[in-house]
Amino acid sequence: MTQAISIGPNPAHDPDLPVLLGRVGAGDQEAFAAVYDAACHAVFGLVHKVLRDHAQAEEVAQEVWVEVWRTAGRYRPERGSVLNWILTLAHRRTVDRIRSAESAAARDHRAALLDRVPEFDEVSEQVHARQEREELRRCLHALTEIQRQSVTLAYYRGLTYREVAEELSAPLGTIKTRLRDGLIRLRDCLGVTA
């Protein structure tokens, strides 16, 4: 017989979430349902905010929950809250979706060019790649120093937001704001449309 699962008034910060996630790791579907109920809105909100496409956000959120189910046993409470762990999975999955879409678009673009160009022009590709790197460097230098440091640590060194905060001795919320503002400025500078 299963026990009723009770979540307090603020489920995303409930002290029972680590216990529930441990039960999810053991295959407990009711515990999974309770964790899902506690964090589903935060996961979908994060994914939708980044992707800005409802259907894709639903797909990615579903992938996140499959990953939570499969990897719940890997959660370590000493590294952060259950909600932060789940949102980290969501962020990574969302970034993967964006990279995949960009890669597919780039492949399609290259395929279309191959149809028009009789042969591969390696020199032209190298020049184009160099121009893109120079454009990115120019845009990175247009950021404030603190934004540039945050973006560099997170996206070039692969640090988590928490690790960036520790590296720069700044509060986590400040780092998140720096990264968001820096990425918006980079997007605008590079002429990327949302």
Protein backbone atom coordinates (compact mmCIF):
# COMPACT_ATOMS: atom_id res chain seq x y z
CA MET A 1 0.00 0.00 0.00
CA THR A 2 1.33 3.42 -0.90
CA GLN A 3 1.34 6.39 1.40
CA ALA A 4 -0.36 9.66 0.53
CA ILE A 5 2.16 12.24 -0.53
CA SER A 6 1.74 15.64 1.04
CA ILE A 7 3.41 18.73 -0.29
CA GLY A 8 3.38 21.93 1.76
CA PRO A 9 2.12 25.37 0.76
CA ASN A 10 5.20 26.16 -1.38
CA PRO A 11 5.97 22.86 -3.12
CA ALA A 12 9.03 24.05 -5.04
CA HIS A 13 10.85 24.71 -1.75
CA ASP A 14 9.42 21.81 0.26
CA PRO A 15 12.04 20.07 2.41
CA ASP A 16 10.50 16.70 1.40
CA LEU A 17 11.53 17.13 -2.26
CA PRO A 18 14.95 15.48 -1.77
CA VAL A 19 13.21 12.52 -0.13
CA LEU A 20 10.66 12.37 -2.92
CA LEU A 21 13.38 12.55 -5.57
CA GLY A 22 15.19 9.70 -3.83
CA ARG A 23 11.99 7.68 -4.11
CA VAL A 24 11.73 8.63 -7.79
CA GLY A 25 15.23 7.21 -8.22
CA ALA A 26 13.87 3.93 -6.84
CA GLY A 27 11.02 3.96 -9.38
CA ASP A 28 8.21 5.41 -7.24
CA GLN A 29 5.66 6.86 -9.66
CA GLU A 30 3.65 8.64 -6.97
CA ALA A 31 6.76 10.43 -5.75
CA PHE A 32 7.51 11.39 -9.36
CA ALA A 33 3.98 12.82 -9.68
CA ALA A 34 4.55 14.91 -6.54
CA VAL A 35 7.91 16.22 -7.78
CA TYR A 36 6.33 16.97 -11.16
CA ASP A 37 3.46 18.88 -9.51
CA ALA A 38 5.96 20.88 -7.46
CA ALA A 39 8.19 21.92 -10.37
CA CYS A 40 6.29 21.57 -13.66
CA HIS A 41 5.36 25.25 -13.91
CA ALA A 42 8.92 26.41 -13.23
CA VAL A 43 10.34 23.98 -15.82
CA PHE A 44 7.87 24.95 -18.53
CA GLY A 45 8.29 28.65 -17.73
CA LEU A 46 12.07 28.49 -18.10
CA VAL A 47 11.96 26.47 -21.31
CA HIS A 48 9.23 28.62 -22.87
CA LYS A 49 11.00 31.84 -21.95
CA VAL A 50 14.11 30.73 -23.83
CA LEU A 51 12.51 28.99 -26.81
CA ARG A 52 9.54 31.36 -27.20
CA ASP A 53 7.63 28.59 -28.98
CA HIS A 54 4.86 26.84 -27.07
CA ALA A 55 4.99 23.53 -28.97
CA GLN A 56 8.77 23.24 -28.74
CA ALA A 57 8.67 24.24 -25.07
CA GLU A 58 6.19 21.43 -24.40
CA GLU A 59 8.46 18.92 -26.17
CA VAL A 60 11.56 20.04 -24.31
CA ALA A 61 9.75 20.09 -20.96
CA GLN A 62 8.61 16.51 -21.61
CA GLU A 63 12.20 15.51 -22.40
CA VAL A 64 13.29 17.13 -19.13
CA TRP A 65 10.78 15.10 -17.13
CA VAL A 66 11.89 11.88 -18.83
CA GLU A 67 15.45 12.78 -17.86
CA VAL A 68 14.39 13.52 -14.26
CA TRP A 69 12.74 10.09 -14.10
CA ARG A 70 15.80 8.34 -15.56
CA THR A 71 18.48 10.23 -13.60
CA ALA A 72 16.84 11.00 -10.24
CA GLY A 73 19.38 8.76 -8.53
CA ARG A 74 22.18 11.12 -9.58
CA TYR A 75 20.78 14.06 -7.59
CA ARG A 76 23.12 15.20 -4.80
CA PRO A 77 21.52 17.46 -2.16
CA GLU A 78 24.86 19.00 -1.20
CA ARG A 79 25.10 20.52 -4.70
CA GLY A 80 21.79 22.41 -4.53
CA SER A 81 18.05 22.11 -4.18
CA VAL A 82 15.91 19.66 -6.13
CA LEU A 83 14.30 22.54 -8.01
CA ASN A 84 17.68 23.96 -9.03
CA TRP A 85 18.82 20.51 -10.17
CA ILE A 86 15.70 20.08 -12.29
CA LEU A 87 15.98 23.61 -13.71
CA THR A 88 19.62 22.95 -14.59
CA LEU A 89 18.50 19.88 -16.54
CA ALA A 90 15.84 22.03 -18.23
CA HIS A 91 18.35 24.75 -19.13
CA ARG A 92 20.79 22.24 -20.60
CA ARG A 93 18.05 20.49 -22.57
CA THR A 94 16.82 23.86 -23.89
CA VAL A 95 20.31 24.90 -24.97
CA ASP A 96 20.70 21.52 -26.67
CA ARG A 97 17.45 22.14 -28.59
CA ILE A 98 18.63 25.59 -29.71
CA ARG A 99 22.01 24.25 -30.81
CA SER A 100 20.33 21.39 -32.65
CA ALA A 101 17.99 23.77 -34.48
CA GLU A 102 20.85 26.09 -35.37
CA SER A 103 22.93 23.15 -36.56
CA ALA A 104 20.07 21.86 -38.71
CA ALA A 105 19.54 25.31 -40.19
CA ALA A 106 23.25 25.62 -40.91
CA ARG A 107 23.27 22.16 -42.55
CA ASP A 108 20.26 23.11 -44.69
CA HIS A 109 21.96 26.36 -45.64
CA ARG A 110 25.18 24.57 -46.59
CA ALA A 111 23.21 21.98 -48.57
CA ALA A 112 21.45 24.75 -50.47
CA LEU A 113 24.79 26.40 -51.22
CA LEU A 114 26.23 23.12 -52.49
CA ASP A 115 23.38 22.93 -54.97
CA ARG A 116 24.38 26.34 -56.36
CA VAL A 117 28.17 26.25 -55.96
CA PRO A 118 29.96 23.79 -58.23
CA GLU A 119 32.70 22.89 -55.71
CA PHE A 120 33.67 23.43 -52.10
CA ASP A 121 35.68 26.56 -51.56
CA GLU A 122 37.80 25.90 -48.48
CA VAL A 123 39.39 29.35 -48.51
CA SER A 124 35.99 31.01 -48.58
CA GLU A 125 34.81 28.86 -45.65
CA GLN A 126 37.90 29.75 -43.63
CA VAL A 127 37.43 33.45 -44.34
CA HIS A 128 33.76 33.22 -43.34
CA ALA A 129 34.60 31.37 -40.11
CA ARG A 130 37.27 33.96 -39.28
CA GLN A 131 34.80 36.80 -39.93
CA GLU A 132 32.25 35.15 -37.61
CA ARG A 133 34.87 34.78 -34.87
CA GLU A 134 35.93 38.42 -35.29
CA GLU A 135 32.28 39.55 -35.17
CA LEU A 136 31.74 37.56 -31.98
CA ARG A 137 34.91 39.00 -30.43
CA ARG A 138 33.79 42.53 -31.37
CA CYS A 139 30.40 41.92 -29.79
CA LEU A 140 31.95 40.39 -26.67
CA HIS A 141 34.10 43.49 -26.27
CA ALA A 142 30.95 45.62 -26.51
CA LEU A 143 29.71 44.02 -23.27
CA THR A 144 30.54 45.45 -19.89
CA GLU A 145 33.50 43.79 -18.20
CA ILE A 146 31.29 41.95 -15.69
CA GLN A 147 28.94 40.72 -18.43
CA ARG A 148 31.89 39.55 -20.55
CA GLN A 149 33.43 37.70 -17.59
CA SER A 150 30.12 36.00 -16.77
CA VAL A 151 29.40 34.98 -20.38
CA THR A 152 32.96 33.75 -20.91
CA LEU A 153 32.94 31.62 -17.77
CA ALA A 154 29.49 30.16 -18.44
CA TYR A 155 29.63 29.57 -22.17
CA TYR A 156 33.30 29.16 -23.00
CA ARG A 157 34.54 27.46 -19.84
CA GLY A 158 31.25 25.61 -19.26
CA LEU A 159 30.76 26.65 -15.64
CA THR A 160 27.32 26.49 -14.04
CA TYR A 161 25.72 29.72 -12.86
CA ARG A 162 26.61 28.79 -9.29
CA GLU A 163 30.26 28.13 -10.26
CA VAL A 164 30.39 31.48 -12.10
CA ALA A 165 29.04 33.18 -8.96
CA GLU A 166 31.72 31.50 -6.85
CA GLU A 167 34.48 32.32 -9.36
CA LEU A 168 33.48 36.00 -9.46
CA SER A 169 32.55 36.22 -5.76
CA ALA A 170 29.11 37.56 -6.62
CA PRO A 171 25.58 36.56 -5.61
CA LEU A 172 23.91 33.98 -7.85
CA GLY A 173 21.06 36.38 -8.72
CA THR A 174 23.55 39.01 -9.85
CA ILE A 175 25.28 36.48 -12.10
CA LYS A 176 21.99 35.41 -13.64
CA THR A 177 21.15 39.04 -14.39
CA ARG A 178 24.61 39.68 -15.88
CA LEU A 179 24.31 36.62 -18.10
CA ARG A 180 20.79 37.45 -19.26
CA ASP A 181 21.70 41.05 -20.04
CA GLY A 182 24.97 40.02 -21.70
CA LEU A 183 23.27 37.42 -23.90
CA ILE A 184 20.60 39.92 -24.94
CA ARG A 185 23.29 42.43 -25.89
CA LEU A 186 25.21 39.74 -27.80
CA ARG A 187 22.07 38.68 -29.63
CA ASP A 188 21.34 42.28 -30.62
CA CYS A 189 24.95 42.94 -31.63
CA LEU A 190 25.12 39.80 -33.78
CA GLY A 191 21.75 40.59 -35.37
CA VAL A 192 20.19 37.31 -34.23
CA THR A 193 16.41 37.40 -34.39
CA ALA A 194 14.47 35.77 -31.57
